[in-house]
PDB file of N, CA and C in Angstrom:
ATOM      1  N   MET A   1      97.418 103.160 129.254  1.00  0.00           N
ATOM      2  CA  MET A   1      96.596 102.811 128.116  1.00  0.00           C
ATOM      3  C   MET A   1      97.081 103.563 126.879  1.00  0.00           C
ATOM      4  N   PRO A   2      97.043 102.922 125.732  1.00  0.00           N
ATOM      5  CA  PRO A   2      97.305 103.676 124.511  1.00  0.00           C
ATOM      6  C   PRO A   2      96.246 104.772 124.363  1.00  0.00           C
ATOM      7  N   SER A   3      96.666 105.965 124.035  1.00  0.00           N
ATOM      8  CA  SER A   3      95.716 107.073 123.894  1.00  0.00           C
ATOM      9  C   SER A   3      96.165 108.018 122.791  1.00  0.00           C
ATOM     10  N   ILE A   4      95.158 108.673 122.191  1.00  0.00           N
ATOM     11  CA  ILE A   4      95.400 109.594 121.086  1.00  0.00           C
ATOM     12  C   ILE A   4      94.635 110.874 121.370  1.00  0.00           C
ATOM     13  N   ALA A   5      95.350 111.972 121.505  1.00  0.00           N
ATOM     14  CA  ALA A   5      94.713 113.273 121.715  1.00  0.00           C
ATOM     15  C   ALA A   5      94.427 113.893 120.354  1.00  0.00           C
ATOM     16  N   CYS A   6      93.197 114.293 120.143  1.00  0.00           N
ATOM     17  CA  CYS A   6      92.786 114.894 118.876  1.00  0.00           C
ATOM     18  C   CYS A   6      92.576 116.387 119.095  1.00  0.00           C
ATOM     19  N   LEU A   7      93.218 117.172 118.263  1.00  0.00           N
ATOM     20  CA  LEU A   7      93.206 118.619 118.413  1.00  0.00           C
ATOM     21  C   LEU A   7      92.286 119.271 117.391  1.00  0.00           C
ATOM     22  N   GLU A   8      91.814 120.460 117.723  1.00  0.00           N
ATOM     23  CA  GLU A   8      91.064 121.266 116.756  1.00  0.00           C
ATOM     24  C   GLU A   8      91.705 122.637 116.699  1.00  0.00           C
ATOM     25  N   GLN A   9      91.801 123.162 115.495  1.00  0.00           N
ATOM     26  CA  GLN A   9      92.416 124.466 115.304  1.00  0.00           C
ATOM     27  C   GLN A   9      91.385 125.548 115.599  1.00  0.00           C
ATOM     28  N   ILE A  10      91.746 126.455 116.534  1.00  0.00           N
ATOM     29  CA  ILE A  10      90.812 127.519 116.903  1.00  0.00           C
ATOM     30  C   ILE A  10      91.267 128.887 116.379  1.00  0.00           C
ATOM     31  N   ALA A  11      92.498 128.969 115.912  1.00  0.00           N
ATOM     32  CA  ALA A  11      93.050 130.173 115.296  1.00  0.00           C
ATOM     33  C   ALA A  11      94.210 129.723 114.417  1.00  0.00           C
ATOM     34  N   SER A  12      94.782 130.633 113.659  1.00  0.00           N
ATOM     35  CA  SER A  12      95.824 130.248 112.707  1.00  0.00           C
ATOM     36  C   SER A  12      97.010 129.538 113.357  1.00  0.00           C
ATOM     37  N   ASN A  13      97.343 129.894 114.575  1.00  0.00           N
ATOM     38  CA  ASN A  13      98.476 129.281 115.261  1.00  0.00           C
ATOM     39  C   ASN A  13      98.093 128.682 116.609  1.00  0.00           C
ATOM     40  N   LYS A  14      96.808 128.408 116.816  1.00  0.00           N
ATOM     41  CA  LYS A  14      96.359 127.952 118.127  1.00  0.00           C
ATOM     42  C   LYS A  14      95.491 126.709 118.000  1.00  0.00           C
ATOM     43  N   TRP A  15      95.804 125.721 118.834  1.00  0.00           N
ATOM     44  CA  TRP A  15      95.098 124.452 118.832  1.00  0.00           C
ATOM     45  C   TRP A  15      94.625 124.139 120.250  1.00  0.00           C
ATOM     46  N   ASN A  16      93.469 123.491 120.360  1.00  0.00           N
ATOM     47  CA  ASN A  16      92.942 123.020 121.649  1.00  0.00           C
ATOM     48  C   ASN A  16      92.662 121.529 121.547  1.00  0.00           C
ATOM     49  N   TYR A  17      92.733 120.857 122.694  1.00  0.00           N
ATOM     50  CA  TYR A  17      92.336 119.457 122.723  1.00  0.00           C
ATOM     51  C   TYR A  17      90.841 119.388 122.469  1.00  0.00           C
ATOM     52  N   HIS A  18      90.443 118.583 121.490  1.00  0.00           N
ATOM     53  CA  HIS A  18      89.039 118.453 121.106  1.00  0.00           C
ATOM     54  C   HIS A  18      88.421 117.210 121.763  1.00  0.00           C
ATOM     55  N   PHE A  19      89.106 116.080 121.630  1.00  0.00           N
ATOM     56  CA  PHE A  19      88.693 114.855 122.304  1.00  0.00           C
ATOM     57  C   PHE A  19      89.889 113.932 122.409  1.00  0.00           C
ATOM     58  N   VAL A  20      89.743 112.911 123.236  1.00  0.00           N
ATOM     59  CA  VAL A  20      90.809 111.942 123.442  1.00  0.00           C
ATOM     60  C   VAL A  20      90.238 110.551 123.197  1.00  0.00           C
ATOM     61  N   LEU A  21      90.994 109.748 122.479  1.00  0.00           N
ATOM     62  CA  LEU A  21      90.636 108.346 122.267  1.00  0.00           C
ATOM     63  C   LEU A  21      91.554 107.491 123.121  1.00  0.00           C
ATOM     64  N   VAL A  22      91.003 106.513 123.795  1.00  0.00           N
ATOM     65  CA  VAL A  22      91.809 105.590 124.599  1.00  0.00           C
ATOM     66  C   VAL A  22      91.429 104.160 124.243  1.00  0.00           C
ATOM     67  N   LYS A  23      92.353 103.278 124.506  1.00  0.00           N
ATOM     68  CA  LYS A  23      92.157 101.840 124.297  1.00  0.00           C
ATOM     69  C   LYS A  23      92.119 101.215 125.689  1.00  0.00           C
ATOM     70  N   PRO A  24      90.941 101.223 126.345  1.00  0.00           N
ATOM     71  CA  PRO A  24      90.863 100.867 127.764  1.00  0.00           C
ATOM     72  C   PRO A  24      91.149  99.406 128.077  1.00  0.00           C
ATOM     73  N   ASN A  25      91.070  98.534 127.101  1.00  0.00           N
ATOM     74  CA  ASN A  25      91.301  97.116 127.371  1.00  0.00           C
ATOM     75  C   ASN A  25      92.770  96.726 127.336  1.00  0.00           C
ATOM     76  N   VAL A  26      93.649  97.707 127.078  1.00  0.00           N
ATOM     77  CA  VAL A  26      95.086  97.449 127.029  1.00  0.00           C
ATOM     78  C   VAL A  26      95.768  98.398 128.003  1.00  0.00           C
ATOM     79  N   GLN A  27      96.520  97.825 128.928  1.00  0.00           N
ATOM     80  CA  GLN A  27      97.219  98.661 129.903  1.00  0.00           C
ATOM     81  C   GLN A  27      98.672  98.218 130.021  1.00  0.00           C
ATOM     82  N   TYR A  28      99.546  99.190 130.112  1.00  0.00           N
ATOM     83  CA  TYR A  28     100.978  98.942 130.242  1.00  0.00           C
ATOM     84  C   TYR A  28     101.492  99.618 131.506  1.00  0.00           C
ATOM     85  N   GLN A  29     102.524  99.057 132.061  1.00  0.00           N
ATOM     86  CA  GLN A  29     103.185  99.682 133.204  1.00  0.00           C
ATOM     87  C   GLN A  29     104.039 100.860 132.748  1.00  0.00           C
ATOM     88  N   GLU A  30     104.570 100.752 131.527  1.00  0.00           N
ATOM     89  CA  GLU A  30     105.456 101.789 131.003  1.00  0.00           C
ATOM     90  C   GLU A  30     104.729 102.636 129.968  1.00  0.00           C
ATOM     91  N   GLU A  31     104.765 103.936 130.149  1.00  0.00           N
ATOM     92  CA  GLU A  31     104.091 104.868 129.242  1.00  0.00           C
ATOM     93  C   GLU A  31     104.606 104.744 127.809  1.00  0.00           C
ATOM     94  N   ASP A  32     105.907 104.488 127.639  1.00  0.00           N
ATOM     95  CA  ASP A  32     106.489 104.388 126.299  1.00  0.00           C
ATOM     96  C   ASP A  32     105.842 103.279 125.482  1.00  0.00           C
ATOM     97  N   LYS A  33     105.494 102.169 126.114  1.00  0.00           N
ATOM     98  CA  LYS A  33     104.863 101.060 125.388  1.00  0.00           C
ATOM     99  C   LYS A  33     103.463 101.446 124.924  1.00  0.00           C
ATOM    100  N   ALA A  34     102.717 102.128 125.778  1.00  0.00           N
ATOM    101  CA  ALA A  34     101.374 102.591 125.407  1.00  0.00           C
ATOM    102  C   ALA A  34     101.474 103.606 124.277  1.00  0.00           C
ATOM    103  N   ASP A  35     102.444 104.499 124.360  1.00  0.00           N
ATOM    104  CA  ASP A  35     102.653 105.514 123.333  1.00  0.00           C
ATOM    105  C   ASP A  35     103.018 104.869 122.000  1.00  0.00           C
ATOM    106  N   SER A  36     103.887 103.876 122.037  1.00  0.00           N
ATOM    107  CA  SER A  36     104.298 103.180 120.811  1.00  0.00           C
ATOM    108  C   SER A  36     103.110 102.489 120.150  1.00  0.00           C
ATOM    109  N   GLU A  37     102.267 101.839 120.954  1.00  0.00           N
ATOM    110  CA  GLU A  37     101.105 101.160 120.386  1.00  0.00           C
ATOM    111  C   GLU A  37     100.141 102.167 119.760  1.00  0.00           C
ATOM    112  N   ALA A  38      99.890 103.267 120.442  1.00  0.00           N
ATOM    113  CA  ALA A  38      98.991 104.289 119.896  1.00  0.00           C
ATOM    114  C   ALA A  38      99.552 104.861 118.598  1.00  0.00           C
ATOM    115  N   ASN A  39     100.856 105.095 118.541  1.00  0.00           N
ATOM    116  CA  ASN A  39     101.482 105.608 117.313  1.00  0.00           C
ATOM    117  C   ASN A  39     101.350 104.613 116.165  1.00  0.00           C
ATOM    118  N   ARG A  40     101.567 103.322 116.444  1.00  0.00           N
ATOM    119  CA  ARG A  40     101.418 102.297 115.406  1.00  0.00           C
ATOM    120  C   ARG A  40      99.972 102.235 114.916  1.00  0.00           C
ATOM    121  N   ASP A  41      99.031 102.253 115.860  1.00  0.00           N
ATOM    122  CA  ASP A  41      97.618 102.184 115.487  1.00  0.00           C
ATOM    123  C   ASP A  41      97.208 103.388 114.648  1.00  0.00           C
ATOM    124  N   LEU A  42      97.669 104.568 115.026  1.00  0.00           N
ATOM    125  CA  LEU A  42      97.325 105.772 114.273  1.00  0.00           C
ATOM    126  C   LEU A  42      97.944 105.739 112.870  1.00  0.00           C
ATOM    127  N   ALA A  43      99.187 105.291 112.772  1.00  0.00           N
ATOM    128  CA  ALA A  43      99.837 105.181 111.465  1.00  0.00           C
ATOM    129  C   ALA A  43      99.083 104.188 110.575  1.00  0.00           C
ATOM    130  N   THR A  44      98.662 103.073 111.144  1.00  0.00           N
ATOM    131  CA  THR A  44      97.902 102.088 110.377  1.00  0.00           C
ATOM    132  C   THR A  44      96.553 102.663 109.958  1.00  0.00           C
ATOM    133  N   ALA A  45      95.914 103.419 110.843  1.00  0.00           N
ATOM    134  CA  ALA A  45      94.625 104.036 110.524  1.00  0.00           C
ATOM    135  C   ALA A  45      94.761 104.996 109.348  1.00  0.00           C
ATOM    136  N   PHE A  46      95.827 105.794 109.334  1.00  0.00           N
ATOM    137  CA  PHE A  46      96.032 106.722 108.216  1.00  0.00           C
ATOM    138  C   PHE A  46      96.398 105.979 106.933  1.00  0.00           C
ATOM    139  N   HIS A  47      97.086 104.862 107.073  1.00  0.00           N
ATOM    140  CA  HIS A  47      97.366 104.026 105.898  1.00  0.00           C
ATOM    141  C   HIS A  47      96.055 103.486 105.322  1.00  0.00           C
ATOM    142  N   GLN A  48      95.152 103.074 106.194  1.00  0.00           N
ATOM    143  CA  GLN A  48      93.834 102.604 105.744  1.00  0.00           C
ATOM    144  C   GLN A  48      93.113 103.718 104.980  1.00  0.00           C
ATOM    145  N   MET A  49      93.236 104.951 105.471  1.00  0.00           N
ATOM    146  CA  MET A  49      92.601 106.082 104.811  1.00  0.00           C
ATOM    147  C   MET A  49      93.188 106.273 103.402  1.00  0.00           C
ATOM    148  N   GLU A  50      94.508 106.191 103.288  1.00  0.00           N
ATOM    149  CA  GLU A  50      95.158 106.351 101.991  1.00  0.00           C
ATOM    150  C   GLU A  50      94.703 105.263 101.014  1.00  0.00           C
ATOM    151  N   GLN A  51      94.571 104.036 101.522  1.00  0.00           N
ATOM    152  CA  GLN A  51      94.163 102.925 100.670  1.00  0.00           C
ATOM    153  C   GLN A  51      92.721 103.058 100.205  1.00  0.00           C
ATOM    154  N   SER A  52      91.846 103.515 101.094  1.00  0.00           N
ATOM    155  CA  SER A  52      90.415 103.573 100.782  1.00  0.00           C
ATOM    156  C   SER A  52      89.989 104.903 100.164  1.00  0.00           C
ATOM    157  N   GLY A  53      90.765 105.958 100.417  1.00  0.00           N
ATOM    158  CA  GLY A  53      90.394 107.282  99.932  1.00  0.00           C
ATOM    159  C   GLY A  53      89.309 107.938 100.776  1.00  0.00           C
ATOM    160  N   SER A  54      89.050 107.383 101.955  1.00  0.00           N
ATOM    161  CA  SER A  54      87.991 107.903 102.817  1.00  0.00           C
ATOM    162  C   SER A  54      88.541 108.223 104.210  1.00  0.00           C
ATOM    163  N   GLU A  55      88.274 109.428 104.687  1.00  0.00           N
ATOM    164  CA  GLU A  55      88.697 109.807 106.032  1.00  0.00           C
ATOM    165  C   GLU A  55      87.984 108.975 107.093  1.00  0.00           C
ATOM    166  N   TYR A  56      86.806 108.465 106.771  1.00  0.00           N
ATOM    167  CA  TYR A  56      86.053 107.616 107.696  1.00  0.00           C
ATOM    168  C   TYR A  56      86.855 106.379 108.090  1.00  0.00           C
ATOM    169  N   ALA A  57      87.766 105.940 107.224  1.00  0.00           N
ATOM    170  CA  ALA A  57      88.565 104.744 107.491  1.00  0.00           C
ATOM    171  C   ALA A  57      89.399 104.887 108.756  1.00  0.00           C
ATOM    172  N   VAL A  58      89.823 106.104 109.076  1.00  0.00           N
ATOM    173  CA  VAL A  58      90.618 106.323 110.300  1.00  0.00           C
ATOM    174  C   VAL A  58      89.786 105.961 111.522  1.00  0.00           C
ATOM    175  N   ALA A  59      88.594 106.534 111.615  1.00  0.00           N
ATOM    176  CA  ALA A  59      87.720 106.252 112.763  1.00  0.00           C
ATOM    177  C   ALA A  59      87.315 104.784 112.808  1.00  0.00           C
ATOM    178  N   LYS A  60      87.001 104.230 111.661  1.00  0.00           N
ATOM    179  CA  LYS A  60      86.569 102.830 111.596  1.00  0.00           C
ATOM    180  C   LYS A  60      87.675 101.897 112.088  1.00  0.00           C
ATOM    181  N   TYR A  61      88.909 102.148 111.648  1.00  0.00           N
ATOM    182  CA  TYR A  61      90.015 101.297 112.067  1.00  0.00           C
ATOM    183  C   TYR A  61      90.274 101.425 113.569  1.00  0.00           C
ATOM    184  N   LEU A  62      90.342 102.663 114.065  1.00  0.00           N
ATOM    185  CA  LEU A  62      90.618 102.847 115.494  1.00  0.00           C
ATOM    186  C   LEU A  62      89.522 102.223 116.349  1.00  0.00           C
ATOM    187  N   ARG A  63      88.281 102.353 115.931  1.00  0.00           N
ATOM    188  CA  ARG A  63      87.182 101.718 116.666  1.00  0.00           C
ATOM    189  C   ARG A  63      87.351 100.195 116.664  1.00  0.00           C
ATOM    190  N   SER A  64      87.756  99.645 115.521  1.00  0.00           N
ATOM    191  CA  SER A  64      87.938  98.189 115.433  1.00  0.00           C
ATOM    192  C   SER A  64      89.060  97.696 116.339  1.00  0.00           C
ATOM    193  N   GLN A  65      89.992  98.592 116.684  1.00  0.00           N
ATOM    194  CA  GLN A  65      91.101  98.239 117.569  1.00  0.00           C
ATOM    195  C   GLN A  65      90.769  98.442 119.047  1.00  0.00           C
ATOM    196  N   GLY A  66      89.555  98.935 119.323  1.00  0.00           N
ATOM    197  CA  GLY A  66      89.120  99.078 120.708  1.00  0.00           C
ATOM    198  C   GLY A  66      89.188 100.482 121.269  1.00  0.00           C
ATOM    199  N   TYR A  67      89.492 101.480 120.448  1.00  0.00           N
ATOM    200  CA  TYR A  67      89.556 102.855 120.937  1.00  0.00           C
ATOM    201  C   TYR A  67      88.152 103.410 121.147  1.00  0.00           C
ATOM    202  N   VAL A  68      87.999 104.156 122.229  1.00  0.00           N
ATOM    203  CA  VAL A  68      86.742 104.839 122.526  1.00  0.00           C
ATOM    204  C   VAL A  68      87.054 106.282 122.894  1.00  0.00           C
ATOM    205  N   SER A  69      86.077 107.148 122.678  1.00  0.00           N
ATOM    206  CA  SER A  69      86.239 108.560 123.015  1.00  0.00           C
ATOM    207  C   SER A  69      85.977 108.751 124.502  1.00  0.00           C
ATOM    208  N   VAL A  70      86.776 109.614 125.114  1.00  0.00           N
ATOM    209  CA  VAL A  70      86.645 109.894 126.546  1.00  0.00           C
ATOM    210  C   VAL A  70      86.160 111.329 126.730  1.00  0.00           C
ATOM    211  N   THR A  71      85.158 111.498 127.573  1.00  0.00           N
ATOM    212  CA  THR A  71      84.705 112.846 127.905  1.00  0.00           C
ATOM    213  C   THR A  71      85.263 113.217 129.275  1.00  0.00           C
ATOM    214  N   GLY A  72      85.363 114.492 129.529  1.00  0.00           N
ATOM    215  CA  GLY A  72      85.872 114.954 130.824  1.00  0.00           C
ATOM    216  C   GLY A  72      87.320 114.580 131.062  1.00  0.00           C
ATOM    217  N   PHE A  73      88.103 114.490 130.006  1.00  0.00           N
ATOM    218  CA  PHE A  73      89.504 114.094 130.127  1.00  0.00           C
ATOM    219  C   PHE A  73      90.345 115.223 130.716  1.00  0.00           C
ATOM    220  N   ASN A  74      91.501 114.859 131.225  1.00  0.00           N
ATOM    221  CA  ASN A  74      92.439 115.816 131.788  1.00  0.00           C
ATOM    222  C   ASN A  74      93.824 115.495 131.203  1.00  0.00           C
ATOM    223  N   ILE A  75      94.389 116.441 130.504  1.00  0.00           N
ATOM    224  CA  ILE A  75      95.722 116.252 129.919  1.00  0.00           C
ATOM    225  C   ILE A  75      96.765 116.617 130.974  1.00  0.00           C
ATOM    226  N   VAL A  76      97.619 115.659 131.281  1.00  0.00           N
ATOM    227  CA  VAL A  76      98.670 115.876 132.272  1.00  0.00           C
ATOM    228  C   VAL A  76      99.930 116.269 131.531  1.00  0.00           C
ATOM    229  N   LYS A  77     100.425 117.424 131.826  1.00  0.00           N
ATOM    230  CA  LYS A  77     101.649 117.902 131.182  1.00  0.00           C
ATOM    231  C   LYS A  77     102.843 117.459 131.999  1.00  0.00           C
ATOM    232  N   GLU A  78     103.908 117.148 131.297  1.00  0.00           N
ATOM    233  CA  GLU A  78     105.133 116.730 131.972  1.00  0.00           C
ATOM    234  C   GLU A  78     105.718 117.890 132.774  1.00  0.00           C
ATOM    235  N   SER A  79     106.174 117.578 133.953  1.00  0.00           N
ATOM    236  CA  SER A  79     106.809 118.628 134.745  1.00  0.00           C
ATOM    237  C   SER A  79     108.266 118.752 134.314  1.00  0.00           C
ATOM    238  N   LYS A  80     108.795 119.952 134.387  1.00  0.00           N
ATOM    239  CA  LYS A  80     110.196 120.171 134.056  1.00  0.00           C
ATOM    240  C   LYS A  80     111.029 119.822 135.261  1.00  0.00           C
ATOM    241  N   ARG A  81     112.040 119.030 135.042  1.00  0.00           N
ATOM    242  CA  ARG A  81     112.885 118.574 136.159  1.00  0.00           C
ATOM    243  C   ARG A  81     114.117 119.387 136.279  1.00  0.00           C
TER     244      ARG A  81
END
C-alpha cells in the first residue's frame, strides 16, 4: 500500500514516528510502485498547499486520495544484507 510516515521532532537532532498514513484501497505487489505513488501524492499535496497558502490543503488532498491514519503501526526497517 502507498504509505507516508509522518515524523515529529523531539529534540534538535532527533525525530520519532508520529503517525502513518496509508492508502488501504490500493495495493501493489512491488514496494517501489507503492512508494512512487505515495511520493507523487505527497508532492501534489504540498503543491496544493503552495497554491492555497494553507497547510490544511496537505491533509485535505491526502484524505481525498484515500489516505487514512493508522494507529498501532510498526515500522519495518530494512535488514542489511
